[in-house]
Amino acid sequence: MALALNSFQTVTTVVGVNTVGIYTAPVGYTGVVLLAQCTNIGPNSEDVTFNHRRTNTVGIAVTTELLSQYPISSKDTANLLSGKLVLESGDVLEIRGTSSTNLKAIVSVLETLN
């Protein structure tokens, strides 16, 4: 079966207090992140950290913080990216927050065949 030329993916998650990978660009595809948002549904301000992680050719992971401890007011939403982000095969988006229940994230990705 032939691989799809383009595929849209939507990732949703409740953000926890530990850093976790929420999306990995698949082998043979480039991922274009079209939207990344995080909503605070809780009664207090919460912080979010959003990272890009790439493992280089010698196996060393390089993490780049896109947002670090960014505050989101109660009942508010933050855009985690101000533009598009291109992810090469194997690149990972990671997220963590200061609450295990009050932060929810959504990421929209266009995967395109290399």
PDB file of N, CA and C in Angstrom:
ATOM      1  N   MET A   1       0.836  -1.167   0.000  1.00  0.00           N
ATOM      2  CA  MET A   1       0.000   0.000   0.000  1.00  0.00           C
ATOM      3  C   MET A   1       0.889   1.241   0.000  1.00  0.00           C
ATOM      4  N   ALA A   2       0.567   2.198  -0.814  1.00  0.00           N
ATOM      5  CA  ALA A   2       1.345   3.432  -0.916  1.00  0.00           C
ATOM      6  C   ALA A   2       1.102   4.317   0.307  1.00  0.00           C
ATOM      7  N   LEU A   3       2.145   5.041   0.707  1.00  0.00           N
ATOM      8  CA  LEU A   3       2.027   5.976   1.821  1.00  0.00           C
ATOM      9  C   LEU A   3       1.301   7.233   1.358  1.00  0.00           C
ATOM     10  N   ALA A   4       0.546   7.833   2.264  1.00  0.00           N
ATOM     11  CA  ALA A   4      -0.168   9.070   1.948  1.00  0.00           C
ATOM     12  C   ALA A   4       0.822  10.207   1.757  1.00  0.00           C
ATOM     13  N   LEU A   5       0.585  11.037   0.744  1.00  0.00           N
ATOM     14  CA  LEU A   5       1.458  12.180   0.489  1.00  0.00           C
ATOM     15  C   LEU A   5       1.361  13.195   1.623  1.00  0.00           C
ATOM     16  N   ASN A   6       0.139  13.509   2.048  1.00  0.00           N
ATOM     17  CA  ASN A   6      -0.099  14.447   3.144  1.00  0.00           C
ATOM     18  C   ASN A   6      -1.108  13.837   4.106  1.00  0.00           C
ATOM     19  N   SER A   7      -0.873  14.075   5.387  1.00  0.00           N
ATOM     20  CA  SER A   7      -1.770  13.568   6.412  1.00  0.00           C
ATOM     21  C   SER A   7      -1.841  14.589   7.542  1.00  0.00           C
ATOM     22  N   PHE A   8      -3.051  14.944   7.938  1.00  0.00           N
ATOM     23  CA  PHE A   8      -3.233  15.875   9.049  1.00  0.00           C
ATOM     24  C   PHE A   8      -3.414  15.087  10.343  1.00  0.00           C
ATOM     25  N   GLN A   9      -2.736  15.537  11.393  1.00  0.00           N
ATOM     26  CA  GLN A   9      -2.821  14.898  12.701  1.00  0.00           C
ATOM     27  C   GLN A   9      -3.183  15.946  13.752  1.00  0.00           C
ATOM     28  N   THR A  10      -4.047  15.564  14.674  1.00  0.00           N
ATOM     29  CA  THR A  10      -4.366  16.408  15.816  1.00  0.00           C
ATOM     30  C   THR A  10      -4.025  15.635  17.077  1.00  0.00           C
ATOM     31  N   VAL A  11      -3.214  16.254  17.922  1.00  0.00           N
ATOM     32  CA  VAL A  11      -2.795  15.636  19.176  1.00  0.00           C
ATOM     33  C   VAL A  11      -3.400  16.449  20.310  1.00  0.00           C
ATOM     34  N   THR A  12      -4.083  15.777  21.231  1.00  0.00           N
ATOM     35  CA  THR A  12      -4.600  16.444  22.423  1.00  0.00           C
ATOM     36  C   THR A  12      -4.080  15.705  23.648  1.00  0.00           C
ATOM     37  N   THR A  13      -3.813  16.455  24.700  1.00  0.00           N
ATOM     38  CA  THR A  13      -3.298  15.831  25.922  1.00  0.00           C
ATOM     39  C   THR A  13      -3.584  16.702  27.137  1.00  0.00           C
ATOM     40  N   VAL A  14      -3.738  16.061  28.268  1.00  0.00           N
ATOM     41  CA  VAL A  14      -3.720  16.760  29.549  1.00  0.00           C
ATOM     42  C   VAL A  14      -2.250  16.849  29.937  1.00  0.00           C
ATOM     43  N   VAL A  15      -1.791  18.051  30.194  1.00  0.00           N
ATOM     44  CA  VAL A  15      -0.372  18.289  30.480  1.00  0.00           C
ATOM     45  C   VAL A  15      -0.086  17.919  31.929  1.00  0.00           C
ATOM     46  N   GLY A  16       0.964  17.145  32.130  1.00  0.00           N
ATOM     47  CA  GLY A  16       1.348  16.741  33.473  1.00  0.00           C
ATOM     48  C   GLY A  16       2.556  17.516  33.979  1.00  0.00           C
ATOM     49  N   VAL A  17       3.029  17.149  35.146  1.00  0.00           N
ATOM     50  CA  VAL A  17       4.157  17.843  35.765  1.00  0.00           C
ATOM     51  C   VAL A  17       5.505  17.280  35.324  1.00  0.00           C
ATOM     52  N   ASN A  18       5.497  16.179  34.588  1.00  0.00           N
ATOM     53  CA  ASN A  18       6.721  15.600  34.039  1.00  0.00           C
ATOM     54  C   ASN A  18       6.786  15.876  32.540  1.00  0.00           C
ATOM     55  N   THR A  19       7.989  16.086  32.024  1.00  0.00           N
ATOM     56  CA  THR A  19       8.166  16.321  30.598  1.00  0.00           C
ATOM     57  C   THR A  19       7.874  15.030  29.835  1.00  0.00           C
ATOM     58  N   VAL A  20       6.959  15.118  28.862  1.00  0.00           N
ATOM     59  CA  VAL A  20       6.614  13.962  28.035  1.00  0.00           C
ATOM     60  C   VAL A  20       6.577  14.378  26.569  1.00  0.00           C
ATOM     61  N   GLY A  21       6.909  13.431  25.712  1.00  0.00           N
ATOM     62  CA  GLY A  21       6.787  13.654  24.279  1.00  0.00           C
ATOM     63  C   GLY A  21       5.338  13.488  23.866  1.00  0.00           C
ATOM     64  N   ILE A  22       4.801  14.481  23.168  1.00  0.00           N
ATOM     65  CA  ILE A  22       3.407  14.392  22.745  1.00  0.00           C
ATOM     66  C   ILE A  22       3.264  14.147  21.248  1.00  0.00           C
ATOM     67  N   TYR A  23       4.357  14.358  20.484  1.00  0.00           N
ATOM     68  CA  TYR A  23       4.322  14.090  19.049  1.00  0.00           C
ATOM     69  C   TYR A  23       5.741  13.808  18.571  1.00  0.00           C
ATOM     70  N   THR A  24       5.881  12.789  17.750  1.00  0.00           N
ATOM     71  CA  THR A  24       7.153  12.466  17.105  1.00  0.00           C
ATOM     72  C   THR A  24       6.915  12.385  15.608  1.00  0.00           C
ATOM     73  N   ALA A  25       7.706  13.118  14.839  1.00  0.00           N
ATOM     74  CA  ALA A  25       7.576  13.067  13.381  1.00  0.00           C
ATOM     75  C   ALA A  25       7.979  11.675  12.899  1.00  0.00           C
ATOM     76  N   PRO A  26       7.104  11.006  12.143  1.00  0.00           N
ATOM     77  CA  PRO A  26       7.394   9.637  11.724  1.00  0.00           C
ATOM     78  C   PRO A  26       8.523   9.547  10.703  1.00  0.00           C
ATOM     79  N   VAL A  27       9.127   8.375  10.618  1.00  0.00           N
ATOM     80  CA  VAL A  27      10.171   8.116   9.636  1.00  0.00           C
ATOM     81  C   VAL A  27       9.596   8.303   8.236  1.00  0.00           C
ATOM     82  N   GLY A  28      10.320   9.040   7.398  1.00  0.00           N
ATOM     83  CA  GLY A  28       9.896   9.262   6.028  1.00  0.00           C
ATOM     84  C   GLY A  28       8.986  10.462   5.837  1.00  0.00           C
ATOM     85  N   TYR A  29       8.641  11.131   6.932  1.00  0.00           N
ATOM     86  CA  TYR A  29       7.748  12.287   6.864  1.00  0.00           C
ATOM     87  C   TYR A  29       8.394  13.512   7.509  1.00  0.00           C
ATOM     88  N   THR A  30       7.999  14.669   7.048  1.00  0.00           N
ATOM     89  CA  THR A  30       8.293  15.931   7.706  1.00  0.00           C
ATOM     90  C   THR A  30       6.988  16.409   8.324  1.00  0.00           C
ATOM     91  N   GLY A  31       7.034  16.822   9.572  1.00  0.00           N
ATOM     92  CA  GLY A  31       5.848  17.348  10.236  1.00  0.00           C
ATOM     93  C   GLY A  31       5.905  18.863  10.270  1.00  0.00           C
ATOM     94  N   VAL A  32       4.819  19.501   9.856  1.00  0.00           N
ATOM     95  CA  VAL A  32       4.717  20.952   9.928  1.00  0.00           C
ATOM     96  C   VAL A  32       3.672  21.269  10.994  1.00  0.00           C
ATOM     97  N   VAL A  33       4.122  21.833  12.114  1.00  0.00           N
ATOM     98  CA  VAL A  33       3.202  22.173  13.193  1.00  0.00           C
ATOM     99  C   VAL A  33       2.475  23.455  12.792  1.00  0.00           C
ATOM    100  N   LEU A  34       1.169  23.336  12.629  1.00  0.00           N
ATOM    101  CA  LEU A  34       0.343  24.459  12.194  1.00  0.00           C
ATOM    102  C   LEU A  34      -0.198  25.254  13.376  1.00  0.00           C
ATOM    103  N   LEU A  35      -0.433  24.576  14.482  1.00  0.00           N
ATOM    104  CA  LEU A  35      -1.035  25.210  15.655  1.00  0.00           C
ATOM    105  C   LEU A  35      -0.594  24.455  16.894  1.00  0.00           C
ATOM    106  N   ALA A  36      -0.299  25.176  17.947  1.00  0.00           N
ATOM    107  CA  ALA A  36      -0.008  24.568  19.250  1.00  0.00           C
ATOM    108  C   ALA A  36      -0.551  25.519  20.311  1.00  0.00           C
ATOM    109  N   GLN A  37      -1.524  25.041  21.080  1.00  0.00           N
ATOM    110  CA  GLN A  37      -2.138  25.875  22.116  1.00  0.00           C
ATOM    111  C   GLN A  37      -2.254  25.087  23.407  1.00  0.00           C
ATOM    112  N   CYS A  38      -2.274  25.824  24.510  1.00  0.00           N
ATOM    113  CA  CYS A  38      -2.465  25.225  25.824  1.00  0.00           C
ATOM    114  C   CYS A  38      -3.474  26.076  26.592  1.00  0.00           C
ATOM    115  N   THR A  39      -4.452  25.413  27.201  1.00  0.00           N
ATOM    116  CA  THR A  39      -5.509  26.089  27.950  1.00  0.00           C
ATOM    117  C   THR A  39      -5.412  25.723  29.423  1.00  0.00           C
ATOM    118  N   ASN A  40      -5.572  26.728  30.272  1.00  0.00           N
ATOM    119  CA  ASN A  40      -5.613  26.532  31.718  1.00  0.00           C
ATOM    120  C   ASN A  40      -7.070  26.546  32.149  1.00  0.00           C
ATOM    121  N   ILE A  41      -7.601  25.390  32.528  1.00  0.00           N
ATOM    122  CA  ILE A  41      -9.002  25.317  32.940  1.00  0.00           C
ATOM    123  C   ILE A  41      -9.164  25.465  34.451  1.00  0.00           C
ATOM    124  N   GLY A  42      -8.052  25.631  35.163  1.00  0.00           N
ATOM    125  CA  GLY A  42      -8.079  25.705  36.620  1.00  0.00           C
ATOM    126  C   GLY A  42      -8.322  27.100  37.164  1.00  0.00           C
ATOM    127  N   PRO A  43      -8.430  27.203  38.493  1.00  0.00           N
ATOM    128  CA  PRO A  43      -8.732  28.479  39.138  1.00  0.00           C
ATOM    129  C   PRO A  43      -7.511  29.366  39.383  1.00  0.00           C
ATOM    130  N   ASN A  44      -6.291  28.828  39.185  1.00  0.00           N
ATOM    131  CA  ASN A  44      -5.067  29.584  39.453  1.00  0.00           C
ATOM    132  C   ASN A  44      -4.185  29.621  38.212  1.00  0.00           C
ATOM    133  N   SER A  45      -3.278  30.581  38.168  1.00  0.00           N
ATOM    134  CA  SER A  45      -2.304  30.647  37.082  1.00  0.00           C
ATOM    135  C   SER A  45      -1.410  29.406  37.121  1.00  0.00           C
ATOM    136  N   GLU A  46      -1.090  28.870  35.942  1.00  0.00           N
ATOM    137  CA  GLU A  46      -0.214  27.707  35.821  1.00  0.00           C
ATOM    138  C   GLU A  46       0.858  28.026  34.780  1.00  0.00           C
ATOM    139  N   ASP A  47       2.007  27.354  34.868  1.00  0.00           N
ATOM    140  CA  ASP A  47       3.099  27.543  33.914  1.00  0.00           C
ATOM    141  C   ASP A  47       3.202  26.342  32.983  1.00  0.00           C
ATOM    142  N   VAL A  48       3.627  26.598  31.742  1.00  0.00           N
ATOM    143  CA  VAL A  48       3.838  25.532  30.771  1.00  0.00           C
ATOM    144  C   VAL A  48       5.226  25.686  30.149  1.00  0.00           C
ATOM    145  N   THR A  49       5.868  24.554  29.888  1.00  0.00           N
ATOM    146  CA  THR A  49       7.144  24.518  29.171  1.00  0.00           C
ATOM    147  C   THR A  49       6.940  23.643  27.939  1.00  0.00           C
ATOM    148  N   PHE A  50       7.374  24.150  26.774  1.00  0.00           N
ATOM    149  CA  PHE A  50       7.161  23.479  25.489  1.00  0.00           C
ATOM    150  C   PHE A  50       8.505  23.392  24.790  1.00  0.00           C
ATOM    151  N   ASN A  51       8.933  22.171  24.438  1.00  0.00           N
ATOM    152  CA  ASN A  51      10.270  21.936  23.891  1.00  0.00           C
ATOM    153  C   ASN A  51      10.231  21.227  22.537  1.00  0.00           C
ATOM    154  N   HIS A  52      11.310  21.410  21.798  1.00  0.00           N
ATOM    155  CA  HIS A  52      11.627  20.626  20.597  1.00  0.00           C
ATOM    156  C   HIS A  52      12.862  19.809  20.951  1.00  0.00           C
ATOM    157  N   ARG A  53      12.831  18.493  20.648  1.00  0.00           N
ATOM    158  CA  ARG A  53      13.985  17.643  20.923  1.00  0.00           C
ATOM    159  C   ARG A  53      14.391  16.899  19.660  1.00  0.00           C
ATOM    160  N   ARG A  54      15.671  16.972  19.341  1.00  0.00           N
ATOM    161  CA  ARG A  54      16.224  16.259  18.185  1.00  0.00           C
ATOM    162  C   ARG A  54      17.442  15.475  18.644  1.00  0.00           C
ATOM    163  N   THR A  55      17.503  14.227  18.226  1.00  0.00           N
ATOM    164  CA  THR A  55      18.678  13.411  18.505  1.00  0.00           C
ATOM    165  C   THR A  55      19.601  13.502  17.296  1.00  0.00           C
ATOM    166  N   ASN A  56      20.833  13.945  17.534  1.00  0.00           N
ATOM    167  CA  ASN A  56      21.760  14.145  16.418  1.00  0.00           C
ATOM    168  C   ASN A  56      22.355  12.808  15.956  1.00  0.00           C
ATOM    169  N   THR A  57      23.222  12.862  14.972  1.00  0.00           N
ATOM    170  CA  THR A  57      23.745  11.650  14.334  1.00  0.00           C
ATOM    171  C   THR A  57      24.596  10.781  15.250  1.00  0.00           C
ATOM    172  N   VAL A  58      25.108  11.331  16.340  1.00  0.00           N
ATOM    173  CA  VAL A  58      25.889  10.519  17.282  1.00  0.00           C
ATOM    174  C   VAL A  58      25.060  10.107  18.500  1.00  0.00           C
ATOM    175  N   GLY A  59      23.744  10.296  18.427  1.00  0.00           N
ATOM    176  CA  GLY A  59      22.850   9.830  19.470  1.00  0.00           C
ATOM    177  C   GLY A  59      22.664  10.750  20.655  1.00  0.00           C
ATOM    178  N   ILE A  60      23.077  12.001  20.535  1.00  0.00           N
ATOM    179  CA  ILE A  60      22.921  12.955  21.629  1.00  0.00           C
ATOM    180  C   ILE A  60      21.657  13.777  21.397  1.00  0.00           C
ATOM    181  N   ALA A  61      20.769  13.782  22.383  1.00  0.00           N
ATOM    182  CA  ALA A  61      19.526  14.549  22.281  1.00  0.00           C
ATOM    183  C   ALA A  61      19.786  16.012  22.601  1.00  0.00           C
ATOM    184  N   VAL A  62      19.331  16.882  21.726  1.00  0.00           N
ATOM    185  CA  VAL A  62      19.451  18.328  21.924  1.00  0.00           C
ATOM    186  C   VAL A  62      18.040  18.876  22.114  1.00  0.00           C
ATOM    187  N   THR A  63      17.798  19.473  23.269  1.00  0.00           N
ATOM    188  CA  THR A  63      16.482  20.038  23.581  1.00  0.00           C
ATOM    189  C   THR A  63      16.533  21.546  23.440  1.00  0.00           C
ATOM    190  N   THR A  64      15.566  22.085  22.703  1.00  0.00           N
ATOM    191  CA  THR A  64      15.433  23.531  22.537  1.00  0.00           C
ATOM    192  C   THR A  64      14.103  23.951  23.143  1.00  0.00           C
ATOM    193  N   GLU A  65      14.180  24.831  24.132  1.00  0.00           N
ATOM    194  CA  GLU A  65      12.968  25.317  24.785  1.00  0.00           C
ATOM    195  C   GLU A  65      12.300  26.353  23.885  1.00  0.00           C
ATOM    196  N   LEU A  66      11.064  26.108  23.522  1.00  0.00           N
ATOM    197  CA  LEU A  66      10.287  27.067  22.743  1.00  0.00           C
ATOM    198  C   LEU A  66       9.566  28.033  23.688  1.00  0.00           C
ATOM    199  N   LEU A  67       9.109  27.518  24.816  1.00  0.00           N
ATOM    200  CA  LEU A  67       8.565  28.307  25.927  1.00  0.00           C
ATOM    201  C   LEU A  67       9.067  27.669  27.207  1.00  0.00           C
ATOM    202  N   SER A  68       9.501  28.488  28.148  1.00  0.00           N
ATOM    203  CA  SER A  68       9.998  27.953  29.409  1.00  0.00           C
ATOM    204  C   SER A  68       9.254  28.603  30.571  1.00  0.00           C
ATOM    205  N   GLN A  69       8.537  27.781  31.311  1.00  0.00           N
ATOM    206  CA  GLN A  69       7.751  28.232  32.462  1.00  0.00           C
ATOM    207  C   GLN A  69       6.892  29.448  32.107  1.00  0.00           C
ATOM    208  N   TYR A  70       6.174  29.334  31.003  1.00  0.00           N
ATOM    209  CA  TYR A  70       5.325  30.421  30.515  1.00  0.00           C
ATOM    210  C   TYR A  70       4.009  30.416  31.292  1.00  0.00           C
ATOM    211  N   PRO A  71       3.658  31.540  31.941  1.00  0.00           N
ATOM    212  CA  PRO A  71       2.437  31.557  32.748  1.00  0.00           C
ATOM    213  C   PRO A  71       1.173  31.685  31.891  1.00  0.00           C
ATOM    214  N   ILE A  72       0.157  30.905  32.275  1.00  0.00           N
ATOM    215  CA  ILE A  72      -1.163  31.001  31.651  1.00  0.00           C
ATOM    216  C   ILE A  72      -2.155  31.287  32.767  1.00  0.00           C
ATOM    217  N   SER A  73      -2.837  32.402  32.646  1.00  0.00           N
ATOM    218  CA  SER A  73      -3.816  32.790  33.666  1.00  0.00           C
ATOM    219  C   SER A  73      -4.977  31.803  33.712  1.00  0.00           C
ATOM    220  N   SER A  74      -5.671  31.811  34.834  1.00  0.00           N
ATOM    221  CA  SER A  74      -6.852  30.974  34.999  1.00  0.00           C
ATOM    222  C   SER A  74      -7.855  31.248  33.870  1.00  0.00           C
ATOM    223  N   LYS A  75      -8.403  30.162  33.310  1.00  0.00           N
ATOM    224  CA  LYS A  75      -9.436  30.236  32.259  1.00  0.00           C
ATOM    225  C   LYS A  75      -8.939  30.949  31.002  1.00  0.00           C
ATOM    226  N   ASP A  76      -7.645  30.827  30.699  1.00  0.00           N
ATOM    227  CA  ASP A  76      -7.065  31.492  29.520  1.00  0.00           C
ATOM    228  C   ASP A  76      -6.319  30.461  28.680  1.00  0.00           C
ATOM    229  N   THR A  77      -5.998  30.857  27.448  1.00  0.00           N
ATOM    230  CA  THR A  77      -5.289  30.008  26.497  1.00  0.00           C
ATOM    231  C   THR A  77      -4.051  30.724  25.999  1.00  0.00           C
ATOM    232  N   ALA A  78      -2.971  29.967  25.783  1.00  0.00           N
ATOM    233  CA  ALA A  78      -1.742  30.531  25.236  1.00  0.00           C
ATOM    234  C   ALA A  78      -1.397  29.821  23.936  1.00  0.00           C
ATOM    235  N   ASN A  79      -0.966  30.606  22.943  1.00  0.00           N
ATOM    236  CA  ASN A  79      -0.402  30.031  21.732  1.00  0.00           C
ATOM    237  C   ASN A  79       1.040  29.663  22.045  1.00  0.00           C
ATOM    238  N   LEU A  80       1.401  28.416  21.816  1.00  0.00           N
ATOM    239  CA  LEU A  80       2.741  27.948  22.140  1.00  0.00           C
ATOM    240  C   LEU A  80       3.739  28.250  21.037  1.00  0.00           C
ATOM    241  N   LEU A  81       3.247  28.543  19.833  1.00  0.00           N
ATOM    242  CA  LEU A  81       4.080  28.926  18.686  1.00  0.00           C
ATOM    243  C   LEU A  81       3.491  30.167  18.045  1.00  0.00           C
ATOM    244  N   SER A  82       4.356  31.059  17.580  1.00  0.00           N
ATOM    245  CA  SER A  82       3.853  32.251  16.892  1.00  0.00           C
ATOM    246  C   SER A  82       3.823  32.054  15.379  1.00  0.00           C
ATOM    247  N   GLY A  83       4.351  30.949  14.901  1.00  0.00           N
ATOM    248  CA  GLY A  83       4.349  30.633  13.472  1.00  0.00           C
ATOM    249  C   GLY A  83       4.376  29.126  13.311  1.00  0.00           C
ATOM    250  N   LYS A  84       4.774  28.668  12.158  1.00  0.00           N
ATOM    251  CA  LYS A  84       4.864  27.233  11.904  1.00  0.00           C
ATOM    252  C   LYS A  84       6.233  26.714  12.334  1.00  0.00           C
ATOM    253  N   LEU A  85       6.284  25.424  12.637  1.00  0.00           N
ATOM    254  CA  LEU A  85       7.529  24.769  13.032  1.00  0.00           C
ATOM    255  C   LEU A  85       7.673  23.498  12.210  1.00  0.00           C
ATOM    256  N   VAL A  86       8.813  23.335  11.548  1.00  0.00           N
ATOM    257  CA  VAL A  86       9.080  22.150  10.736  1.00  0.00           C
ATOM    258  C   VAL A  86       9.825  21.125  11.588  1.00  0.00           C
ATOM    259  N   LEU A  87       9.309  19.901  11.604  1.00  0.00           N
ATOM    260  CA  LEU A  87       9.923  18.807  12.351  1.00  0.00           C
ATOM    261  C   LEU A  87      10.427  17.758  11.374  1.00  0.00           C
ATOM    262  N   GLU A  88      11.705  17.438  11.478  1.00  0.00           N
ATOM    263  CA  GLU A  88      12.278  16.379  10.661  1.00  0.00           C
ATOM    264  C   GLU A  88      11.930  15.028  11.290  1.00  0.00           C
ATOM    265  N   SER A  89      12.044  13.968  10.503  1.00  0.00           N
ATOM    266  CA  SER A  89      11.758  12.620  11.006  1.00  0.00           C
ATOM    267  C   SER A  89      12.494  12.380  12.319  1.00  0.00           C
ATOM    268  N   GLY A  90      11.760  11.917  13.321  1.00  0.00           N
ATOM    269  CA  GLY A  90      12.348  11.624  14.627  1.00  0.00           C
ATOM    270  C   GLY A  90      12.326  12.774  15.611  1.00  0.00           C
ATOM    271  N   ASP A  91      12.069  14.003  15.153  1.00  0.00           N
ATOM    272  CA  ASP A  91      11.966  15.145  16.071  1.00  0.00           C
ATOM    273  C   ASP A  91      10.763  14.958  16.989  1.00  0.00           C
ATOM    274  N   VAL A  92      10.885  15.437  18.221  1.00  0.00           N
ATOM    275  CA  VAL A  92       9.845  15.246  19.230  1.00  0.00           C
ATOM    276  C   VAL A  92       9.420  16.593  19.804  1.00  0.00           C
ATOM    277  N   LEU A  93       8.108  16.772  19.985  1.00  0.00           N
ATOM    278  CA  LEU A  93       7.575  17.899  20.752  1.00  0.00           C
ATOM    279  C   LEU A  93       7.320  17.405  22.166  1.00  0.00           C
ATOM    280  N   GLU A  94       7.798  18.167  23.152  1.00  0.00           N
ATOM    281  CA  GLU A  94       7.633  17.795  24.553  1.00  0.00           C
ATOM    282  C   GLU A  94       6.922  18.914  25.297  1.00  0.00           C
ATOM    283  N   ILE A  95       6.211  18.533  26.344  1.00  0.00           N
ATOM    284  CA  ILE A  95       5.486  19.532  27.136  1.00  0.00           C
ATOM    285  C   ILE A  95       5.455  19.106  28.597  1.00  0.00           C
ATOM    286  N   ARG A  96       5.396  20.100  29.479  1.00  0.00           N
ATOM    287  CA  ARG A  96       5.168  19.853  30.909  1.00  0.00           C
ATOM    288  C   ARG A  96       4.553  21.106  31.510  1.00  0.00           C
ATOM    289  N   GLY A  97       3.899  20.950  32.645  1.00  0.00           N
ATOM    290  CA  GLY A  97       3.268  22.085  33.301  1.00  0.00           C
ATOM    291  C   GLY A  97       3.474  22.035  34.802  1.00  0.00           C
ATOM    292  N   THR A  98       2.804  22.936  35.490  1.00  0.00           N
ATOM    293  CA  THR A  98       2.886  22.978  36.952  1.00  0.00           C
ATOM    294  C   THR A  98       1.665  22.346  37.603  1.00  0.00           C
ATOM    295  N   SER A  99       0.788  21.782  36.797  1.00  0.00           N
ATOM    296  CA  SER A  99      -0.407  21.110  37.303  1.00  0.00           C
ATOM    297  C   SER A  99      -0.568  19.798  36.552  1.00  0.00           C
ATOM    298  N   SER A 100      -1.098  18.800  37.215  1.00  0.00           N
ATOM    299  CA  SER A 100      -1.330  17.527  36.540  1.00  0.00           C
ATOM    300  C   SER A 100      -2.755  17.389  36.025  1.00  0.00           C
ATOM    301  N   THR A 101      -3.588  18.413  36.222  1.00  0.00           N
ATOM    302  CA  THR A 101      -4.981  18.299  35.783  1.00  0.00           C
ATOM    303  C   THR A 101      -5.528  19.543  35.082  1.00  0.00           C
ATOM    304  N   ASN A 102      -4.919  20.709  35.273  1.00  0.00           N
ATOM    305  CA  ASN A 102      -5.540  21.956  34.818  1.00  0.00           C
ATOM    306  C   ASN A 102      -5.100  22.457  33.450  1.00  0.00           C
ATOM    307  N   LEU A 103      -4.048  21.883  32.883  1.00  0.00           N
ATOM    308  CA  LEU A 103      -3.563  22.342  31.586  1.00  0.00           C
ATOM    309  C   LEU A 103      -3.877  21.307  30.515  1.00  0.00           C
ATOM    310  N   LYS A 104      -4.454  21.784  29.402  1.00  0.00           N
ATOM    311  CA  LYS A 104      -4.766  20.912  28.276  1.00  0.00           C
ATOM    312  C   LYS A 104      -4.154  21.506  27.021  1.00  0.00           C
ATOM    313  N   ALA A 105      -3.507  20.653  26.228  1.00  0.00           N
ATOM    314  CA  ALA A 105      -2.825  21.128  25.021  1.00  0.00           C
ATOM    315  C   ALA A 105      -3.430  20.482  23.780  1.00  0.00           C
ATOM    316  N   ILE A 106      -3.365  21.219  22.676  1.00  0.00           N
ATOM    317  CA  ILE A 106      -3.767  20.710  21.371  1.00  0.00           C
ATOM    318  C   ILE A 106      -2.726  21.154  20.349  1.00  0.00           C
ATOM    319  N   VAL A 107      -2.325  20.209  19.501  1.00  0.00           N
ATOM    320  CA  VAL A 107      -1.326  20.470  18.477  1.00  0.00           C
ATOM    321  C   VAL A 107      -1.849  19.932  17.154  1.00  0.00           C
ATOM    322  N   SER A 108      -1.774  20.739  16.110  1.00  0.00           N
ATOM    323  CA  SER A 108      -2.211  20.348  14.775  1.00  0.00           C
ATOM    324  C   SER A 108      -0.982  20.271  13.867  1.00  0.00           C
ATOM    325  N   VAL A 109      -0.806  19.098  13.221  1.00  0.00           N
ATOM    326  CA  VAL A 109       0.397  18.852  12.431  1.00  0.00           C
ATOM    327  C   VAL A 109       0.010  18.360  11.031  1.00  0.00           C
ATOM    328  N   LEU A 110       0.674  18.906  10.028  1.00  0.00           N
ATOM    329  CA  LEU A 110       0.579  18.385   8.671  1.00  0.00           C
ATOM    330  C   LEU A 110       1.814  17.532   8.434  1.00  0.00           C
ATOM    331  N   GLU A 111       1.616  16.231   8.215  1.00  0.00           N
ATOM    332  CA  GLU A 111       2.716  15.346   7.883  1.00  0.00           C
ATOM    333  C   GLU A 111       2.793  15.231   6.361  1.00  0.00           C
ATOM    334  N   THR A 112       3.965  15.473   5.825  1.00  0.00           N
ATOM    335  CA  THR A 112       4.143  15.397   4.379  1.00  0.00           C
ATOM    336  C   THR A 112       5.272  14.418   4.068  1.00  0.00           C
ATOM    337  N   LEU A 113       5.041  13.563   3.075  1.00  0.00           N
ATOM    338  CA  LEU A 113       6.004  12.528   2.708  1.00  0.00           C
ATOM    339  C   LEU A 113       7.284  13.142   2.182  1.00  0.00           C
ATOM    340  N   ASN A 114       8.421  12.637   2.663  1.00  0.00           N
ATOM    341  CA  ASN A 114       9.734  13.132   2.187  1.00  0.00           C
ATOM    342  C   ASN A 114      10.027  12.599   0.804  1.00  0.00           C
TER     343      ASN A 114
END
